[in-house]
Amino acid sequence: MRSIGLTGGIASGKSTVSKILAERGAVLIDADLLGHQTYEPGTETFAQVVAEFGNEIVAEDGTINRQVLGGLVFGHPDGMGRLTGIVWPGIRALAAAELARLDQAGTAVVV
């Protein structure tokens, strides 16, 4: 299986390139979507984020209130560093599991 990492800044064409590659048969793994999965209640990442930033980031429905969390990290390099230090290991673990699953399924190309 070939895996292709696709990165770039905002509005750099990642979505366009992803769509073209998917139309040609590549399977896409979206790190943004994996990031959202790490925040789900009951996950280790959820618990770590709440422990780091406090219960005030938990919404009434038990999910992380991303707006409140964003206010604590955007524009605050220390807060953003603490958050990414928690979230990225979870994203990497989910990506690795998905890559292994796709490899076993015989997928030829993953982006």
N, C-alpha and C. Protein backbone atom coordinates (compact mmCIF):
# COMPACT_ATOMS: atom_id res chain seq x y z
N MET A 1 0.85 -1.17 0.00
CA MET A 1 0.00 0.00 0.00
C MET A 1 0.90 1.24 0.00
N ARG A 2 0.53 2.19 -0.84
CA ARG A 2 1.22 3.48 -0.84
C ARG A 2 0.43 4.46 0.01
N SER A 3 1.15 5.19 0.85
CA SER A 3 0.47 6.24 1.62
C SER A 3 1.12 7.57 1.25
N ILE A 4 0.27 8.54 1.00
CA ILE A 4 0.71 9.87 0.57
C ILE A 4 0.26 10.87 1.63
N GLY A 5 1.19 11.63 2.18
CA GLY A 5 0.85 12.69 3.12
C GLY A 5 0.58 13.97 2.35
N LEU A 6 -0.54 14.59 2.60
CA LEU A 6 -0.93 15.81 1.91
C LEU A 6 -1.09 16.91 2.94
N THR A 7 -0.23 17.91 2.87
CA THR A 7 -0.27 19.01 3.83
C THR A 7 -0.28 20.34 3.09
N GLY A 8 -0.60 21.37 3.81
CA GLY A 8 -0.57 22.72 3.25
C GLY A 8 -1.37 23.66 4.12
N GLY A 9 -1.18 24.91 3.89
CA GLY A 9 -1.88 25.93 4.66
C GLY A 9 -3.33 26.06 4.22
N ILE A 10 -4.01 26.97 4.88
CA ILE A 10 -5.41 27.26 4.55
C ILE A 10 -5.49 27.74 3.11
N ALA A 11 -6.46 27.21 2.37
CA ALA A 11 -6.73 27.60 0.98
C ALA A 11 -5.56 27.31 0.04
N SER A 12 -4.81 26.25 0.34
CA SER A 12 -3.67 25.90 -0.51
C SER A 12 -4.01 24.85 -1.56
N GLY A 13 -5.25 24.32 -1.54
CA GLY A 13 -5.66 23.35 -2.54
C GLY A 13 -5.72 21.91 -2.06
N LYS A 14 -5.58 21.69 -0.77
CA LYS A 14 -5.61 20.32 -0.24
C LYS A 14 -6.91 19.60 -0.60
N SER A 15 -8.02 20.28 -0.44
CA SER A 15 -9.32 19.66 -0.74
C SER A 15 -9.45 19.32 -2.21
N THR A 16 -8.98 20.21 -3.06
CA THR A 16 -9.03 19.96 -4.50
C THR A 16 -8.18 18.76 -4.87
N VAL A 17 -6.96 18.71 -4.36
CA VAL A 17 -6.07 17.59 -4.66
C VAL A 17 -6.64 16.29 -4.09
N SER A 18 -7.18 16.35 -2.89
CA SER A 18 -7.78 15.17 -2.27
C SER A 18 -8.92 14.63 -3.13
N LYS A 19 -9.77 15.53 -3.61
CA LYS A 19 -10.90 15.12 -4.45
C LYS A 19 -10.41 14.44 -5.73
N ILE A 20 -9.40 15.02 -6.36
CA ILE A 20 -8.86 14.43 -7.60
C ILE A 20 -8.29 13.04 -7.32
N LEU A 21 -7.53 12.90 -6.25
CA LEU A 21 -6.94 11.60 -5.92
C LEU A 21 -8.02 10.58 -5.56
N ALA A 22 -9.06 11.01 -4.86
CA ALA A 22 -10.16 10.11 -4.52
C ALA A 22 -10.89 9.65 -5.78
N GLU A 23 -11.07 10.57 -6.73
CA GLU A 23 -11.72 10.21 -7.99
C GLU A 23 -10.90 9.16 -8.75
N ARG A 24 -9.62 9.12 -8.47
CA ARG A 24 -8.73 8.14 -9.13
C ARG A 24 -8.52 6.89 -8.29
N GLY A 25 -9.30 6.77 -7.20
CA GLY A 25 -9.29 5.53 -6.43
C GLY A 25 -8.58 5.56 -5.09
N ALA A 26 -7.96 6.67 -4.74
CA ALA A 26 -7.28 6.74 -3.44
C ALA A 26 -8.32 6.83 -2.32
N VAL A 27 -7.97 6.26 -1.19
CA VAL A 27 -8.79 6.37 0.01
C VAL A 27 -8.23 7.52 0.84
N LEU A 28 -9.12 8.36 1.35
CA LEU A 28 -8.68 9.53 2.11
C LEU A 28 -8.82 9.30 3.61
N ILE A 29 -7.83 9.73 4.35
CA ILE A 29 -7.90 9.80 5.80
C ILE A 29 -7.73 11.28 6.14
N ASP A 30 -8.73 11.86 6.75
CA ASP A 30 -8.73 13.29 7.06
C ASP A 30 -8.32 13.49 8.52
N ALA A 31 -7.15 14.08 8.74
CA ALA A 31 -6.64 14.29 10.10
C ALA A 31 -7.56 15.22 10.90
N ASP A 32 -8.24 16.16 10.24
CA ASP A 32 -9.19 17.02 10.95
C ASP A 32 -10.32 16.20 11.53
N LEU A 33 -10.83 15.26 10.76
CA LEU A 33 -11.92 14.40 11.26
C LEU A 33 -11.42 13.50 12.39
N LEU A 34 -10.20 13.01 12.25
CA LEU A 34 -9.64 12.20 13.34
C LEU A 34 -9.49 13.04 14.59
N GLY A 35 -9.10 14.30 14.42
CA GLY A 35 -8.98 15.20 15.55
C GLY A 35 -10.30 15.36 16.28
N HIS A 36 -11.39 15.49 15.52
CA HIS A 36 -12.71 15.61 16.13
C HIS A 36 -13.06 14.33 16.90
N GLN A 37 -12.66 13.18 16.37
CA GLN A 37 -12.94 11.91 17.05
C GLN A 37 -12.21 11.83 18.38
N THR A 38 -11.01 12.40 18.47
CA THR A 38 -10.26 12.33 19.73
C THR A 38 -10.95 13.08 20.85
N TYR A 39 -11.80 14.06 20.49
CA TYR A 39 -12.49 14.87 21.49
C TYR A 39 -13.77 14.21 22.01
N GLU A 40 -14.15 13.07 21.48
CA GLU A 40 -15.42 12.45 21.87
C GLU A 40 -15.38 12.02 23.33
N PRO A 41 -16.50 12.24 24.04
CA PRO A 41 -16.56 11.81 25.45
C PRO A 41 -16.23 10.33 25.58
N GLY A 42 -15.52 10.02 26.64
CA GLY A 42 -15.15 8.64 26.90
C GLY A 42 -13.78 8.26 26.36
N THR A 43 -13.19 9.14 25.52
CA THR A 43 -11.86 8.84 25.00
C THR A 43 -10.80 9.34 25.99
N GLU A 44 -9.62 8.76 25.87
CA GLU A 44 -8.50 9.19 26.70
C GLU A 44 -8.16 10.65 26.45
N THR A 45 -8.21 11.06 25.17
CA THR A 45 -7.89 12.44 24.84
C THR A 45 -8.89 13.39 25.47
N PHE A 46 -10.17 13.06 25.42
CA PHE A 46 -11.21 13.89 26.06
C PHE A 46 -10.84 14.11 27.52
N ALA A 47 -10.55 13.03 28.23
CA ALA A 47 -10.22 13.12 29.65
C ALA A 47 -8.99 13.99 29.89
N GLN A 48 -7.98 13.84 29.04
CA GLN A 48 -6.76 14.62 29.20
C GLN A 48 -6.99 16.10 28.93
N VAL A 49 -7.79 16.41 27.90
CA VAL A 49 -8.08 17.81 27.58
C VAL A 49 -8.86 18.46 28.72
N VAL A 50 -9.85 17.76 29.26
CA VAL A 50 -10.63 18.31 30.37
C VAL A 50 -9.75 18.48 31.60
N ALA A 51 -8.89 17.50 31.87
CA ALA A 51 -7.98 17.61 33.02
C ALA A 51 -7.05 18.81 32.87
N GLU A 52 -6.61 19.08 31.65
CA GLU A 52 -5.67 20.17 31.40
C GLU A 52 -6.34 21.54 31.43
N PHE A 53 -7.55 21.64 30.86
CA PHE A 53 -8.18 22.96 30.67
C PHE A 53 -9.39 23.21 31.58
N GLY A 54 -9.82 22.20 32.31
CA GLY A 54 -10.88 22.40 33.29
C GLY A 54 -12.27 22.02 32.81
N ASN A 55 -13.14 21.77 33.76
CA ASN A 55 -14.51 21.34 33.47
C ASN A 55 -15.33 22.40 32.76
N GLU A 56 -14.90 23.65 32.79
CA GLU A 56 -15.66 24.70 32.11
C GLU A 56 -15.67 24.53 30.60
N ILE A 57 -14.82 23.68 30.05
CA ILE A 57 -14.85 23.44 28.61
C ILE A 57 -15.86 22.37 28.21
N VAL A 58 -16.48 21.73 29.21
CA VAL A 58 -17.46 20.68 28.92
C VAL A 58 -18.84 21.32 28.82
N ALA A 59 -19.50 21.10 27.69
CA ALA A 59 -20.83 21.64 27.44
C ALA A 59 -21.88 20.84 28.23
N GLU A 60 -23.09 21.36 28.25
CA GLU A 60 -24.18 20.69 28.97
C GLU A 60 -24.44 19.28 28.47
N ASP A 61 -24.19 19.05 27.18
CA ASP A 61 -24.44 17.72 26.61
C ASP A 61 -23.29 16.75 26.85
N GLY A 62 -22.25 17.19 27.58
CA GLY A 62 -21.13 16.31 27.92
C GLY A 62 -20.01 16.30 26.91
N THR A 63 -20.14 17.05 25.82
CA THR A 63 -19.06 17.14 24.83
C THR A 63 -18.17 18.34 25.16
N ILE A 64 -17.04 18.40 24.51
CA ILE A 64 -16.17 19.57 24.68
C ILE A 64 -16.75 20.73 23.89
N ASN A 65 -16.91 21.84 24.56
CA ASN A 65 -17.38 23.06 23.90
C ASN A 65 -16.15 23.66 23.20
N ARG A 66 -16.08 23.44 21.90
CA ARG A 66 -14.90 23.84 21.14
C ARG A 66 -14.73 25.36 21.12
N GLN A 67 -15.82 26.10 21.23
CA GLN A 67 -15.71 27.55 21.26
C GLN A 67 -15.02 28.01 22.55
N VAL A 68 -15.42 27.43 23.67
CA VAL A 68 -14.80 27.78 24.94
C VAL A 68 -13.33 27.36 24.93
N LEU A 69 -13.07 26.14 24.48
CA LEU A 69 -11.68 25.67 24.40
C LEU A 69 -10.86 26.57 23.48
N GLY A 70 -11.44 26.94 22.34
CA GLY A 70 -10.75 27.82 21.40
C GLY A 70 -10.35 29.14 22.03
N GLY A 71 -11.22 29.67 22.89
CA GLY A 71 -10.90 30.92 23.58
C GLY A 71 -9.71 30.79 24.51
N LEU A 72 -9.44 29.57 24.95
CA LEU A 72 -8.31 29.33 25.85
C LEU A 72 -7.01 29.05 25.12
N VAL A 73 -7.10 28.68 23.84
CA VAL A 73 -5.88 28.29 23.14
C VAL A 73 -5.50 29.17 21.95
N PHE A 74 -6.49 29.68 21.20
CA PHE A 74 -6.16 30.50 20.03
C PHE A 74 -5.65 31.85 20.50
N GLY A 75 -4.51 32.23 20.01
CA GLY A 75 -3.87 33.46 20.45
C GLY A 75 -3.06 33.28 21.72
N HIS A 76 -2.98 32.06 22.21
CA HIS A 76 -2.23 31.74 23.42
C HIS A 76 -1.28 30.58 23.10
N PRO A 77 -0.07 30.89 22.65
CA PRO A 77 0.85 29.82 22.21
C PRO A 77 1.05 28.72 23.24
N ASP A 78 1.11 29.08 24.52
CA ASP A 78 1.31 28.06 25.54
C ASP A 78 0.11 27.11 25.59
N GLY A 79 -1.10 27.69 25.55
CA GLY A 79 -2.30 26.87 25.57
C GLY A 79 -2.42 25.99 24.34
N MET A 80 -2.09 26.55 23.18
CA MET A 80 -2.15 25.77 21.94
C MET A 80 -1.13 24.64 21.99
N GLY A 81 0.04 24.92 22.50
CA GLY A 81 1.06 23.87 22.62
C GLY A 81 0.62 22.75 23.54
N ARG A 82 -0.01 23.11 24.66
CA ARG A 82 -0.52 22.09 25.58
C ARG A 82 -1.60 21.25 24.91
N LEU A 83 -2.50 21.91 24.15
CA LEU A 83 -3.58 21.18 23.48
C LEU A 83 -3.03 20.24 22.42
N THR A 84 -2.16 20.74 21.55
CA THR A 84 -1.64 19.87 20.49
C THR A 84 -0.81 18.73 21.07
N GLY A 85 -0.16 18.96 22.18
CA GLY A 85 0.59 17.89 22.84
C GLY A 85 -0.30 16.76 23.33
N ILE A 86 -1.55 17.08 23.59
CA ILE A 86 -2.53 16.07 24.02
C ILE A 86 -3.22 15.43 22.81
N VAL A 87 -3.64 16.26 21.85
CA VAL A 87 -4.49 15.78 20.76
C VAL A 87 -3.71 15.01 19.70
N TRP A 88 -2.53 15.48 19.32
CA TRP A 88 -1.82 14.83 18.21
C TRP A 88 -1.46 13.37 18.45
N PRO A 89 -1.07 12.97 19.66
CA PRO A 89 -0.85 11.52 19.84
C PRO A 89 -2.12 10.70 19.57
N GLY A 90 -3.27 11.23 19.95
CA GLY A 90 -4.54 10.54 19.66
C GLY A 90 -4.81 10.46 18.17
N ILE A 91 -4.55 11.55 17.46
CA ILE A 91 -4.73 11.56 16.01
C ILE A 91 -3.79 10.55 15.36
N ARG A 92 -2.54 10.54 15.79
CA ARG A 92 -1.58 9.57 15.22
C ARG A 92 -2.03 8.13 15.45
N ALA A 93 -2.54 7.85 16.64
CA ALA A 93 -2.99 6.48 16.95
C ALA A 93 -4.17 6.09 16.07
N LEU A 94 -5.14 7.00 15.90
CA LEU A 94 -6.29 6.70 15.04
C LEU A 94 -5.85 6.52 13.59
N ALA A 95 -4.93 7.36 13.12
CA ALA A 95 -4.44 7.24 11.74
C ALA A 95 -3.71 5.93 11.54
N ALA A 96 -2.88 5.55 12.49
CA ALA A 96 -2.14 4.29 12.38
C ALA A 96 -3.10 3.10 12.33
N ALA A 97 -4.14 3.13 13.16
CA ALA A 97 -5.11 2.03 13.15
C ALA A 97 -5.85 1.98 11.82
N GLU A 98 -6.22 3.14 11.28
CA GLU A 98 -6.93 3.17 10.00
C GLU A 98 -6.02 2.71 8.87
N LEU A 99 -4.76 3.11 8.89
CA LEU A 99 -3.81 2.66 7.87
C LEU A 99 -3.64 1.15 7.92
N ALA A 100 -3.54 0.60 9.11
CA ALA A 100 -3.40 -0.86 9.25
C ALA A 100 -4.64 -1.58 8.72
N ARG A 101 -5.82 -1.04 9.04
CA ARG A 101 -7.06 -1.64 8.56
C ARG A 101 -7.13 -1.60 7.04
N LEU A 102 -6.79 -0.46 6.45
CA LEU A 102 -6.83 -0.32 4.99
C LEU A 102 -5.80 -1.20 4.32
N ASP A 103 -4.64 -1.33 4.92
CA ASP A 103 -3.60 -2.20 4.36
C ASP A 103 -4.09 -3.65 4.34
N GLN A 104 -4.69 -4.09 5.44
CA GLN A 104 -5.20 -5.45 5.48
C GLN A 104 -6.34 -5.67 4.50
N ALA A 105 -7.07 -4.60 4.20
CA ALA A 105 -8.19 -4.70 3.25
C ALA A 105 -7.69 -4.68 1.81
N GLY A 106 -6.39 -4.49 1.61
CA GLY A 106 -5.84 -4.50 0.26
C GLY A 106 -5.91 -3.16 -0.47
N THR A 107 -6.08 -2.09 0.26
CA THR A 107 -6.14 -0.75 -0.34
C THR A 107 -4.80 -0.45 -1.02
N ALA A 108 -4.88 0.11 -2.21
CA ALA A 108 -3.65 0.39 -2.98
C ALA A 108 -3.02 1.73 -2.60
N VAL A 109 -3.85 2.78 -2.46
CA VAL A 109 -3.32 4.13 -2.20
C VAL A 109 -4.17 4.81 -1.15
N VAL A 110 -3.50 5.40 -0.16
CA VAL A 110 -4.16 6.16 0.90
C VAL A 110 -3.52 7.54 0.95
N VAL A 111 -4.38 8.55 1.03
CA VAL A 111 -3.91 9.93 1.17
C VAL A 111 -4.32 10.43 2.54
